[in-house]
Amino acid sequence: MSTANELNLTEFYPEDLEIMSVDSTENEIRIHMKSRSKSYKCPKCGTELNKYHSTHHRCVQDLPILGKRTMLDINMHDYYCTNDDCEVGSIVETYDGFLDYCSRNTERLIDFATILAMETSCESAARILKASNIKISGDTIIRMLMRRYSDQEKPVCGNAIGIDDFAFKKRDTYGTIIVDEETHKPVAVLDGRDGETLKIKKA
């Protein structure tokens, strides 16, 4: 398979990513892409950037297509911030809502994996994903969940809380969750489950 039109994929990816070719085997679809962006906004100072610093190659995993593992083989730009007062030098372009600057999985795949883990467990989600030709370990899903949690706005807690412990990994790694009793929403997830963990949080 050598052209994107055979799978009609272009509408499912950001406009700044151009599909160059598609290779398909029995178990995998590999989509070769390149960035065609002409500018990028510095995330630190907001300057509109028009100068490429370099290009680099990244291979990321996306949701399966036709039951096959799907890999995106992307050539993307590094931009150079021209604002002398900005602390940032070179900047790897990202695609908001689709792919961030360091992930090896698309955001929609991370969404699917984390939602599945919340409904089952991290290890169960990893097994289900493996059956769907998605290679993500239970430990990776835990890191995804922790990152999503840390990216949320810090919740405001009422006067009454509930505390319980849970296992990140059965019989190995444990944590503590703190819940607002009024809203029944979690306000903190801590590493460890002893009294010292709560003392550190209080401090």
N, C-alpha and C. Protein backbone atom coordinates (compact mmCIF):
# COMPACT_ATOMS: atom_id res chain seq x y z
N MET A 1 0.85 -1.18 0.00
CA MET A 1 0.00 0.00 0.00
C MET A 1 0.89 1.23 0.00
N SER A 2 0.78 2.07 -0.98
CA SER A 2 1.76 3.14 -1.13
C SER A 2 1.17 4.53 -1.08
N THR A 3 -0.15 4.69 -1.08
CA THR A 3 -0.74 6.02 -1.06
C THR A 3 -1.73 6.15 0.07
N ALA A 4 -1.83 7.39 0.61
CA ALA A 4 -2.75 7.63 1.72
C ALA A 4 -4.19 7.51 1.27
N ASN A 5 -4.48 7.81 0.01
CA ASN A 5 -5.86 7.82 -0.46
C ASN A 5 -6.53 6.46 -0.36
N GLU A 6 -5.74 5.39 -0.40
CA GLU A 6 -6.32 4.07 -0.33
C GLU A 6 -7.00 3.82 1.01
N LEU A 7 -6.53 4.50 2.05
CA LEU A 7 -7.15 4.38 3.36
C LEU A 7 -7.89 5.65 3.76
N ASN A 8 -7.80 6.70 2.95
CA ASN A 8 -8.47 7.97 3.23
C ASN A 8 -8.16 8.47 4.64
N LEU A 9 -6.88 8.62 4.93
CA LEU A 9 -6.44 8.94 6.28
C LEU A 9 -6.27 10.42 6.58
N THR A 10 -6.15 11.24 5.58
CA THR A 10 -5.73 12.62 5.78
C THR A 10 -6.63 13.39 6.75
N GLU A 11 -7.92 13.12 6.76
CA GLU A 11 -8.83 13.88 7.62
C GLU A 11 -8.70 13.52 9.09
N PHE A 12 -7.96 12.48 9.41
CA PHE A 12 -7.84 12.04 10.79
C PHE A 12 -6.58 12.55 11.48
N TYR A 13 -5.79 13.37 10.78
CA TYR A 13 -4.54 13.86 11.33
C TYR A 13 -4.46 15.37 11.19
N PRO A 14 -3.63 16.03 12.02
CA PRO A 14 -3.51 17.49 11.94
C PRO A 14 -3.09 17.96 10.55
N GLU A 15 -3.56 19.14 10.19
CA GLU A 15 -3.27 19.69 8.87
C GLU A 15 -1.76 19.89 8.65
N ASP A 16 -1.02 20.14 9.72
CA ASP A 16 0.41 20.38 9.59
C ASP A 16 1.21 19.10 9.36
N LEU A 17 0.56 17.94 9.41
CA LEU A 17 1.24 16.69 9.13
C LEU A 17 0.79 16.16 7.77
N GLU A 18 1.72 16.06 6.86
CA GLU A 18 1.42 15.58 5.51
C GLU A 18 1.78 14.10 5.40
N ILE A 19 0.83 13.32 4.94
CA ILE A 19 1.07 11.89 4.74
C ILE A 19 1.81 11.68 3.43
N MET A 20 2.98 11.06 3.53
CA MET A 20 3.81 10.83 2.35
C MET A 20 3.54 9.46 1.73
N SER A 21 3.41 8.45 2.58
CA SER A 21 3.13 7.10 2.10
C SER A 21 2.63 6.25 3.26
N VAL A 22 2.05 5.11 2.92
CA VAL A 22 1.52 4.18 3.92
C VAL A 22 1.99 2.78 3.55
N ASP A 23 2.64 2.11 4.51
CA ASP A 23 3.05 0.72 4.31
C ASP A 23 2.22 -0.17 5.21
N SER A 24 1.76 -1.28 4.66
CA SER A 24 0.90 -2.18 5.42
C SER A 24 1.42 -3.61 5.34
N THR A 25 1.52 -4.26 6.51
CA THR A 25 1.85 -5.68 6.57
C THR A 25 0.68 -6.41 7.21
N GLU A 26 0.86 -7.67 7.50
CA GLU A 26 -0.23 -8.46 8.08
C GLU A 26 -0.65 -7.94 9.44
N ASN A 27 0.32 -7.41 10.22
CA ASN A 27 0.04 -7.01 11.59
C ASN A 27 0.19 -5.52 11.87
N GLU A 28 0.75 -4.77 10.92
CA GLU A 28 1.06 -3.37 11.22
C GLU A 28 0.83 -2.46 10.03
N ILE A 29 0.36 -1.26 10.32
CA ILE A 29 0.28 -0.19 9.34
C ILE A 29 1.25 0.91 9.78
N ARG A 30 2.14 1.31 8.89
CA ARG A 30 3.12 2.35 9.19
C ARG A 30 2.88 3.53 8.24
N ILE A 31 2.58 4.69 8.84
CA ILE A 31 2.25 5.88 8.06
C ILE A 31 3.43 6.84 8.12
N HIS A 32 4.01 7.14 6.98
CA HIS A 32 5.16 8.04 6.90
C HIS A 32 4.65 9.47 6.70
N MET A 33 5.07 10.38 7.58
CA MET A 33 4.57 11.75 7.57
C MET A 33 5.73 12.74 7.64
N LYS A 34 5.45 13.98 7.24
CA LYS A 34 6.40 15.06 7.48
C LYS A 34 5.64 16.32 7.85
N SER A 35 6.27 17.13 8.67
CA SER A 35 5.66 18.39 9.07
C SER A 35 5.75 19.39 7.93
N ARG A 36 4.67 20.13 7.74
CA ARG A 36 4.69 21.19 6.74
C ARG A 36 4.37 22.54 7.38
N SER A 37 4.59 22.63 8.68
CA SER A 37 4.35 23.89 9.38
C SER A 37 5.36 24.94 8.93
N LYS A 38 4.94 26.18 8.93
CA LYS A 38 5.79 27.31 8.53
C LYS A 38 6.12 28.22 9.72
N SER A 39 5.41 28.02 10.81
CA SER A 39 5.66 28.85 11.99
C SER A 39 5.22 28.09 13.23
N TYR A 40 5.66 28.60 14.38
CA TYR A 40 5.32 27.96 15.64
C TYR A 40 5.43 28.99 16.76
N LYS A 41 4.53 28.94 17.72
CA LYS A 41 4.54 29.91 18.82
C LYS A 41 5.35 29.34 19.98
N CYS A 42 6.30 30.14 20.46
CA CYS A 42 7.12 29.72 21.60
C CYS A 42 6.23 29.52 22.83
N PRO A 43 6.28 28.35 23.46
CA PRO A 43 5.42 28.10 24.62
C PRO A 43 5.82 28.90 25.84
N LYS A 44 7.04 29.46 25.84
CA LYS A 44 7.51 30.21 27.01
C LYS A 44 7.17 31.69 26.92
N CYS A 45 7.49 32.31 25.78
CA CYS A 45 7.30 33.77 25.67
C CYS A 45 6.21 34.17 24.69
N GLY A 46 5.70 33.22 23.90
CA GLY A 46 4.62 33.52 22.97
C GLY A 46 5.06 34.12 21.66
N THR A 47 6.37 34.23 21.42
CA THR A 47 6.86 34.79 20.16
C THR A 47 6.53 33.88 18.99
N GLU A 48 6.08 34.46 17.89
CA GLU A 48 5.81 33.69 16.68
C GLU A 48 7.14 33.38 16.01
N LEU A 49 7.43 32.11 15.84
CA LEU A 49 8.72 31.67 15.33
C LEU A 49 8.60 31.24 13.88
N ASN A 50 9.55 31.67 13.07
CA ASN A 50 9.56 31.32 11.65
C ASN A 50 10.89 30.71 11.22
N LYS A 51 11.76 30.45 12.18
CA LYS A 51 13.10 29.96 11.86
C LYS A 51 13.27 28.53 12.35
N TYR A 52 13.56 27.61 11.41
CA TYR A 52 13.83 26.23 11.80
C TYR A 52 15.22 26.14 12.43
N HIS A 53 15.31 25.39 13.51
CA HIS A 53 16.61 25.11 14.11
C HIS A 53 17.19 23.83 13.51
N SER A 54 16.34 22.82 13.34
CA SER A 54 16.75 21.55 12.76
C SER A 54 15.48 20.72 12.53
N THR A 55 15.65 19.52 12.06
CA THR A 55 14.54 18.58 11.96
C THR A 55 14.93 17.30 12.69
N HIS A 56 13.94 16.59 13.16
CA HIS A 56 14.24 15.30 13.77
C HIS A 56 13.14 14.31 13.47
N HIS A 57 13.44 13.05 13.70
CA HIS A 57 12.54 11.95 13.35
C HIS A 57 11.99 11.32 14.62
N ARG A 58 10.69 11.04 14.62
CA ARG A 58 10.09 10.36 15.76
C ARG A 58 9.07 9.33 15.27
N CYS A 59 9.05 8.19 15.95
CA CYS A 59 8.08 7.14 15.63
C CYS A 59 7.13 7.00 16.81
N VAL A 60 5.83 7.21 16.58
CA VAL A 60 4.85 7.18 17.67
C VAL A 60 3.73 6.20 17.33
N GLN A 61 3.11 5.70 18.37
CA GLN A 61 2.03 4.73 18.23
C GLN A 61 0.68 5.44 18.26
N ASP A 62 -0.23 5.04 17.37
CA ASP A 62 -1.56 5.62 17.31
C ASP A 62 -2.59 4.51 17.51
N LEU A 63 -3.86 4.88 17.54
CA LEU A 63 -4.92 3.87 17.65
C LEU A 63 -4.86 2.92 16.45
N PRO A 64 -5.24 1.66 16.65
CA PRO A 64 -5.18 0.68 15.56
C PRO A 64 -6.10 1.05 14.40
N ILE A 65 -5.72 0.62 13.22
CA ILE A 65 -6.54 0.75 12.01
C ILE A 65 -6.80 -0.65 11.47
N LEU A 66 -8.05 -0.98 11.27
CA LEU A 66 -8.42 -2.30 10.76
C LEU A 66 -7.84 -3.42 11.62
N GLY A 67 -7.74 -3.17 12.93
CA GLY A 67 -7.23 -4.17 13.85
C GLY A 67 -5.72 -4.33 13.84
N LYS A 68 -5.01 -3.48 13.10
CA LYS A 68 -3.56 -3.57 13.00
C LYS A 68 -2.89 -2.49 13.84
N ARG A 69 -1.74 -2.84 14.41
CA ARG A 69 -0.96 -1.84 15.13
C ARG A 69 -0.58 -0.72 14.16
N THR A 70 -0.75 0.52 14.60
CA THR A 70 -0.52 1.67 13.72
C THR A 70 0.60 2.53 14.27
N MET A 71 1.64 2.72 13.47
CA MET A 71 2.80 3.53 13.84
C MET A 71 2.90 4.72 12.89
N LEU A 72 3.18 5.89 13.47
CA LEU A 72 3.36 7.10 12.68
C LEU A 72 4.85 7.44 12.66
N ASP A 73 5.40 7.44 11.46
CA ASP A 73 6.82 7.71 11.25
C ASP A 73 6.94 9.16 10.79
N ILE A 74 7.30 10.09 11.73
CA ILE A 74 7.16 11.52 11.50
C ILE A 74 8.51 12.23 11.44
N ASN A 75 8.70 13.06 10.43
CA ASN A 75 9.79 14.03 10.39
C ASN A 75 9.22 15.38 10.80
N MET A 76 9.70 15.92 11.90
CA MET A 76 9.15 17.17 12.42
C MET A 76 10.24 18.21 12.62
N HIS A 77 9.83 19.46 12.83
CA HIS A 77 10.77 20.57 12.94
C HIS A 77 11.11 20.90 14.39
N ASP A 78 12.33 21.36 14.57
CA ASP A 78 12.72 22.06 15.80
C ASP A 78 12.83 23.53 15.44
N TYR A 79 12.14 24.37 16.19
CA TYR A 79 12.22 25.81 15.95
C TYR A 79 13.19 26.47 16.92
N TYR A 80 13.71 27.62 16.51
CA TYR A 80 14.64 28.37 17.36
C TYR A 80 13.98 29.68 17.77
N CYS A 81 13.90 29.92 19.09
CA CYS A 81 13.27 31.14 19.57
C CYS A 81 14.20 32.33 19.34
N THR A 82 13.70 33.32 18.65
CA THR A 82 14.50 34.50 18.29
C THR A 82 14.41 35.62 19.32
N ASN A 83 13.64 35.41 20.38
CA ASN A 83 13.53 36.42 21.45
C ASN A 83 14.74 36.29 22.37
N ASP A 84 15.60 37.30 22.38
CA ASP A 84 16.83 37.25 23.17
C ASP A 84 16.56 37.18 24.67
N ASP A 85 15.38 37.62 25.09
CA ASP A 85 15.06 37.61 26.51
C ASP A 85 14.43 36.29 26.96
N CYS A 86 14.19 35.40 26.02
CA CYS A 86 13.55 34.13 26.35
C CYS A 86 14.60 33.10 26.76
N GLU A 87 14.27 32.30 27.76
CA GLU A 87 15.20 31.29 28.26
C GLU A 87 15.26 30.06 27.35
N VAL A 88 14.27 29.93 26.47
CA VAL A 88 14.19 28.74 25.62
C VAL A 88 15.09 28.91 24.41
N GLY A 89 15.78 27.85 24.03
CA GLY A 89 16.59 27.86 22.82
C GLY A 89 15.82 27.20 21.69
N SER A 90 16.14 25.94 21.40
CA SER A 90 15.41 25.21 20.38
C SER A 90 14.15 24.58 20.97
N ILE A 91 13.11 24.50 20.17
CA ILE A 91 11.80 24.03 20.62
C ILE A 91 11.29 22.97 19.65
N VAL A 92 10.94 21.81 20.18
CA VAL A 92 10.34 20.76 19.37
C VAL A 92 8.88 21.09 19.15
N GLU A 93 8.44 21.13 17.91
CA GLU A 93 7.05 21.47 17.67
C GLU A 93 6.14 20.35 18.16
N THR A 94 4.97 20.75 18.63
CA THR A 94 3.96 19.79 19.09
C THR A 94 2.68 20.04 18.31
N TYR A 95 1.74 19.15 18.50
CA TYR A 95 0.45 19.27 17.82
C TYR A 95 -0.61 19.16 18.91
N ASP A 96 -1.10 20.32 19.35
CA ASP A 96 -1.99 20.38 20.50
C ASP A 96 -3.18 19.43 20.34
N GLY A 97 -3.36 18.62 21.37
CA GLY A 97 -4.48 17.69 21.36
C GLY A 97 -4.22 16.43 20.58
N PHE A 98 -3.05 16.33 19.92
CA PHE A 98 -2.74 15.13 19.14
C PHE A 98 -1.43 14.49 19.57
N LEU A 99 -0.40 15.29 19.74
CA LEU A 99 0.91 14.75 20.11
C LEU A 99 1.71 15.82 20.84
N ASP A 100 2.29 15.47 22.00
CA ASP A 100 3.09 16.45 22.71
C ASP A 100 4.56 16.28 22.36
N TYR A 101 5.42 17.02 23.06
CA TYR A 101 6.82 17.13 22.64
C TYR A 101 7.66 15.90 22.98
N CYS A 102 7.20 15.01 23.88
CA CYS A 102 8.06 13.89 24.30
C CYS A 102 7.38 12.52 24.21
N SER A 103 6.08 12.46 24.03
CA SER A 103 5.37 11.19 24.10
C SER A 103 5.64 10.31 22.89
N ARG A 104 5.62 9.01 23.11
CA ARG A 104 5.74 8.01 22.05
C ARG A 104 4.38 7.44 21.68
N ASN A 105 3.32 8.05 22.20
CA ASN A 105 1.95 7.65 21.87
C ASN A 105 1.13 8.92 21.60
N THR A 106 0.18 8.84 20.69
CA THR A 106 -0.69 9.99 20.44
C THR A 106 -1.59 10.23 21.63
N GLU A 107 -2.07 11.45 21.77
CA GLU A 107 -2.93 11.80 22.90
C GLU A 107 -4.23 11.01 22.88
N ARG A 108 -4.76 10.72 21.71
CA ARG A 108 -6.02 9.96 21.67
C ARG A 108 -5.80 8.52 22.09
N LEU A 109 -4.61 7.97 21.84
CA LEU A 109 -4.31 6.63 22.34
C LEU A 109 -4.15 6.65 23.85
N ILE A 110 -3.49 7.68 24.37
CA ILE A 110 -3.35 7.82 25.82
C ILE A 110 -4.72 7.98 26.47
N ASP A 111 -5.61 8.77 25.86
CA ASP A 111 -6.97 8.91 26.37
C ASP A 111 -7.65 7.55 26.48
N PHE A 112 -7.55 6.76 25.42
CA PHE A 112 -8.20 5.45 25.40
C PHE A 112 -7.62 4.54 26.48
N ALA A 113 -6.29 4.52 26.60
CA ALA A 113 -5.64 3.64 27.57
C ALA A 113 -5.99 4.02 29.00
N THR A 114 -6.00 5.32 29.30
CA THR A 114 -6.28 5.75 30.67
C THR A 114 -7.75 5.56 31.05
N ILE A 115 -8.64 5.81 30.12
CA ILE A 115 -10.07 5.58 30.39
C ILE A 115 -10.32 4.09 30.63
N LEU A 116 -9.69 3.25 29.82
CA LEU A 116 -9.83 1.81 29.99
C LEU A 116 -9.27 1.37 31.34
N ALA A 117 -8.17 1.94 31.75
CA ALA A 117 -7.57 1.60 33.04
C ALA A 117 -8.45 2.03 34.19
N MET A 118 -9.11 3.19 34.07
CA MET A 118 -10.01 3.65 35.13
C MET A 118 -11.22 2.74 35.28
N GLU A 119 -11.64 2.12 34.18
CA GLU A 119 -12.79 1.23 34.23
C GLU A 119 -12.42 -0.19 34.65
N THR A 120 -11.14 -0.56 34.50
CA THR A 120 -10.69 -1.91 34.86
C THR A 120 -9.55 -1.78 35.87
N SER A 121 -8.33 -1.95 35.40
CA SER A 121 -7.11 -1.71 36.17
C SER A 121 -5.99 -1.52 35.15
N CYS A 122 -4.84 -1.09 35.61
CA CYS A 122 -3.75 -0.83 34.66
C CYS A 122 -3.28 -2.12 33.99
N GLU A 123 -3.15 -3.18 34.76
CA GLU A 123 -2.70 -4.45 34.18
C GLU A 123 -3.76 -5.05 33.26
N SER A 124 -5.02 -4.97 33.66
CA SER A 124 -6.10 -5.48 32.80
C SER A 124 -6.18 -4.67 31.51
N ALA A 125 -6.02 -3.35 31.62
CA ALA A 125 -6.05 -2.50 30.44
C ALA A 125 -4.91 -2.86 29.49
N ALA A 126 -3.73 -3.14 30.05
CA ALA A 126 -2.58 -3.50 29.22
C ALA A 126 -2.85 -4.80 28.46
N ARG A 127 -3.50 -5.75 29.10
CA ARG A 127 -3.82 -7.02 28.43
C ARG A 127 -4.85 -6.81 27.32
N ILE A 128 -5.84 -5.98 27.58
CA ILE A 128 -6.86 -5.69 26.56
C ILE A 128 -6.22 -4.96 25.38
N LEU A 129 -5.35 -4.00 25.68
CA LEU A 129 -4.68 -3.26 24.62
C LEU A 129 -3.79 -4.18 23.78
N LYS A 130 -3.12 -5.11 24.43
CA LYS A 130 -2.26 -6.05 23.71
C LYS A 130 -3.09 -6.89 22.73
N ALA A 131 -4.29 -7.29 23.17
CA ALA A 131 -5.18 -8.05 22.28
C ALA A 131 -5.66 -7.21 21.11
N SER A 132 -5.58 -5.88 21.26
CA SER A 132 -5.97 -4.97 20.18
C SER A 132 -4.78 -4.48 19.36
N ASN A 133 -3.63 -5.14 19.54
CA ASN A 133 -2.39 -4.78 18.84
C ASN A 133 -1.86 -3.41 19.22
N ILE A 134 -2.01 -3.08 20.51
CA ILE A 134 -1.43 -1.85 21.07
C ILE A 134 -0.42 -2.27 22.14
N LYS A 135 0.82 -1.83 21.98
CA LYS A 135 1.87 -2.23 22.90
C LYS A 135 2.10 -1.16 23.96
N ILE A 136 1.44 -1.32 25.10
CA ILE A 136 1.62 -0.43 26.25
C ILE A 136 1.59 -1.30 27.50
N SER A 137 2.58 -1.16 28.36
CA SER A 137 2.63 -1.97 29.58
C SER A 137 1.78 -1.35 30.68
N GLY A 138 1.50 -2.15 31.70
CA GLY A 138 0.75 -1.64 32.85
C GLY A 138 1.49 -0.51 33.55
N ASP A 139 2.82 -0.61 33.66
CA ASP A 139 3.61 0.44 34.30
C ASP A 139 3.53 1.75 33.50
N THR A 140 3.52 1.64 32.17
CA THR A 140 3.39 2.83 31.33
C THR A 140 2.04 3.49 31.54
N ILE A 141 0.98 2.70 31.67
CA ILE A 141 -0.35 3.25 31.90
C ILE A 141 -0.40 3.98 33.24
N ILE A 142 0.27 3.43 34.25
CA ILE A 142 0.34 4.11 35.55
C ILE A 142 0.98 5.48 35.39
N ARG A 143 2.07 5.54 34.63
CA ARG A 143 2.74 6.84 34.41
C ARG A 143 1.83 7.79 33.65
N MET A 144 1.07 7.27 32.70
CA MET A 144 0.12 8.11 31.96
C MET A 144 -0.93 8.70 32.90
N LEU A 145 -1.47 7.86 33.80
CA LEU A 145 -2.48 8.32 34.74
C LEU A 145 -1.91 9.38 35.69
N MET A 146 -0.70 9.15 36.18
CA MET A 146 -0.08 10.11 37.09
C MET A 146 0.18 11.44 36.39
N ARG A 147 0.59 11.37 35.13
CA ARG A 147 0.82 12.61 34.38
C ARG A 147 -0.48 13.35 34.16
N ARG A 148 -1.54 12.63 33.79
CA ARG A 148 -2.83 13.29 33.59
C ARG A 148 -3.32 13.92 34.89
N TYR A 149 -3.08 13.22 36.00
CA TYR A 149 -3.49 13.77 37.29
C TYR A 149 -2.70 15.04 37.62
N SER A 150 -1.37 15.00 37.40
CA SER A 150 -0.54 16.16 37.74
C SER A 150 -0.83 17.36 36.84
N ASP A 151 -1.35 17.11 35.64
CA ASP A 151 -1.66 18.21 34.71
C ASP A 151 -2.98 18.91 35.05
N GLN A 152 -3.79 18.31 35.90
CA GLN A 152 -5.07 18.91 36.26
C GLN A 152 -4.86 20.10 37.19
N GLU A 153 -5.84 21.00 37.20
CA GLU A 153 -5.81 22.11 38.15
C GLU A 153 -5.92 21.56 39.57
N LYS A 154 -5.19 22.17 40.49
CA LYS A 154 -5.21 21.72 41.88
C LYS A 154 -6.60 21.92 42.48
N PRO A 155 -7.23 20.84 42.98
CA PRO A 155 -8.58 20.96 43.52
C PRO A 155 -8.60 21.67 44.87
N VAL A 156 -9.72 22.29 45.16
CA VAL A 156 -9.93 22.93 46.46
C VAL A 156 -10.62 21.93 47.37
N CYS A 157 -10.06 21.73 48.54
CA CYS A 157 -10.59 20.72 49.47
C CYS A 157 -11.41 21.37 50.57
N GLY A 158 -12.51 20.71 50.96
CA GLY A 158 -13.36 21.18 52.04
C GLY A 158 -12.78 20.83 53.41
N ASN A 159 -13.61 20.91 54.44
CA ASN A 159 -13.16 20.67 55.81
C ASN A 159 -13.11 19.19 56.17
N ALA A 160 -13.83 18.35 55.41
CA ALA A 160 -13.88 16.93 55.72
C ALA A 160 -13.28 16.13 54.57
N ILE A 161 -12.41 15.18 54.91
CA ILE A 161 -11.78 14.36 53.88
C ILE A 161 -11.91 12.88 54.23
N GLY A 162 -11.78 12.04 53.23
CA GLY A 162 -11.69 10.60 53.41
C GLY A 162 -10.33 10.13 52.92
N ILE A 163 -9.74 9.16 53.62
CA ILE A 163 -8.41 8.67 53.28
C ILE A 163 -8.45 7.15 53.13
N ASP A 164 -7.82 6.65 52.06
CA ASP A 164 -7.74 5.21 51.86
C ASP A 164 -6.44 4.89 51.14
N ASP A 165 -5.98 3.64 51.28
CA ASP A 165 -4.79 3.23 50.54
C ASP A 165 -5.18 2.30 49.41
N PHE A 166 -4.28 2.14 48.46
CA PHE A 166 -4.52 1.28 47.30
C PHE A 166 -3.18 0.81 46.77
N ALA A 167 -3.21 -0.16 45.86
CA ALA A 167 -1.98 -0.71 45.30
C ALA A 167 -1.77 -0.21 43.88
N PHE A 168 -0.64 0.47 43.64
CA PHE A 168 -0.23 0.76 42.27
C PHE A 168 0.08 -0.56 41.57
N LYS A 169 0.77 -1.43 42.31
CA LYS A 169 1.12 -2.76 41.81
C LYS A 169 0.94 -3.73 42.97
N LYS A 170 0.12 -4.74 42.80
CA LYS A 170 -0.30 -5.63 43.87
C LYS A 170 0.90 -6.24 44.60
N ARG A 171 0.86 -6.13 45.94
CA ARG A 171 1.89 -6.66 46.82
C ARG A 171 3.27 -6.04 46.58
N ASP A 172 3.30 -4.87 45.99
CA ASP A 172 4.60 -4.26 45.69
C ASP A 172 4.63 -2.77 46.03
N THR A 173 3.86 -1.97 45.29
CA THR A 173 3.89 -0.51 45.46
C THR A 173 2.52 0.00 45.84
N TYR A 174 2.46 0.80 46.92
CA TYR A 174 1.17 1.26 47.43
C TYR A 174 1.12 2.79 47.46
N GLY A 175 -0.09 3.30 47.45
CA GLY A 175 -0.31 4.73 47.51
C GLY A 175 -1.46 5.07 48.42
N THR A 176 -1.67 6.36 48.65
CA THR A 176 -2.76 6.86 49.48
C THR A 176 -3.57 7.86 48.67
N ILE A 177 -4.90 7.73 48.73
CA ILE A 177 -5.77 8.69 48.05
C ILE A 177 -6.56 9.47 49.09
N ILE A 178 -6.66 10.77 48.87
CA ILE A 178 -7.42 11.65 49.74
C ILE A 178 -8.60 12.19 48.95
N VAL A 179 -9.80 12.07 49.52
CA VAL A 179 -11.04 12.43 48.82
C VAL A 179 -11.79 13.49 49.62
N ASP A 180 -12.31 14.48 48.93
CA ASP A 180 -13.16 15.50 49.55
C ASP A 180 -14.51 14.85 49.86
N GLU A 181 -14.87 14.80 51.12
CA GLU A 181 -16.10 14.12 51.53
C GLU A 181 -17.36 14.81 51.01
N GLU A 182 -17.28 16.11 50.75
CA GLU A 182 -18.46 16.84 50.29
C GLU A 182 -18.72 16.58 48.80
N THR A 183 -17.65 16.60 47.99
CA THR A 183 -17.81 16.44 46.54
C THR A 183 -17.55 15.01 46.08
N HIS A 184 -16.92 14.20 46.97
CA HIS A 184 -16.53 12.81 46.64
C HIS A 184 -15.52 12.76 45.50
N LYS A 185 -14.74 13.84 45.33
CA LYS A 185 -13.71 13.87 44.29
C LYS A 185 -12.33 13.76 44.94
N PRO A 186 -11.41 13.04 44.29
CA PRO A 186 -10.04 12.94 44.83
C PRO A 186 -9.33 14.28 44.76
N VAL A 187 -8.60 14.59 45.83
CA VAL A 187 -7.85 15.85 45.87
C VAL A 187 -6.35 15.61 45.92
N ALA A 188 -5.92 14.37 46.20
CA ALA A 188 -4.49 14.07 46.22
C ALA A 188 -4.27 12.58 46.10
N VAL A 189 -3.20 12.20 45.41
CA VAL A 189 -2.74 10.82 45.34
C VAL A 189 -1.29 10.82 45.76
N LEU A 190 -0.96 10.08 46.83
CA LEU A 190 0.37 10.13 47.43
C LEU A 190 1.09 8.79 47.27
N ASP A 191 2.41 8.86 47.18
CA ASP A 191 3.23 7.64 47.19
C ASP A 191 3.38 7.17 48.62
N GLY A 192 3.07 5.89 48.86
CA GLY A 192 3.17 5.34 50.21
C GLY A 192 1.82 5.31 50.90
N ARG A 193 1.75 4.55 51.98
CA ARG A 193 0.46 4.42 52.68
C ARG A 193 0.60 4.45 54.20
N ASP A 194 1.73 4.93 54.72
CA ASP A 194 1.89 4.98 56.16
C ASP A 194 1.65 6.40 56.68
N GLY A 195 1.75 6.55 57.98
CA GLY A 195 1.50 7.85 58.58
C GLY A 195 2.50 8.91 58.15
N GLU A 196 3.70 8.49 57.82
CA GLU A 196 4.73 9.44 57.41
C GLU A 196 4.35 10.10 56.10
N THR A 197 3.66 9.35 55.23
CA THR A 197 3.20 9.91 53.94
C THR A 197 2.27 11.09 54.16
N LEU A 198 1.34 10.96 55.10
CA LEU A 198 0.39 12.03 55.40
C LEU A 198 1.08 13.21 56.07
N LYS A 199 2.09 12.94 56.91
CA LYS A 199 2.82 14.03 57.55
C LYS A 199 3.52 14.88 56.51
N ILE A 200 4.13 14.23 55.52
CA ILE A 200 4.83 14.96 54.47
C ILE A 200 3.87 15.81 53.68
N LYS A 201 2.68 15.26 53.38
CA LYS A 201 1.67 16.01 52.63
C LYS A 201 1.21 17.22 53.43
N LYS A 202 1.00 17.04 54.73
CA LYS A 202 0.54 18.14 55.57
C LYS A 202 1.59 19.23 55.65
N ALA A 203 2.86 18.84 55.69
CA ALA A 203 3.93 19.82 55.76
C ALA A 203 4.04 20.62 54.48
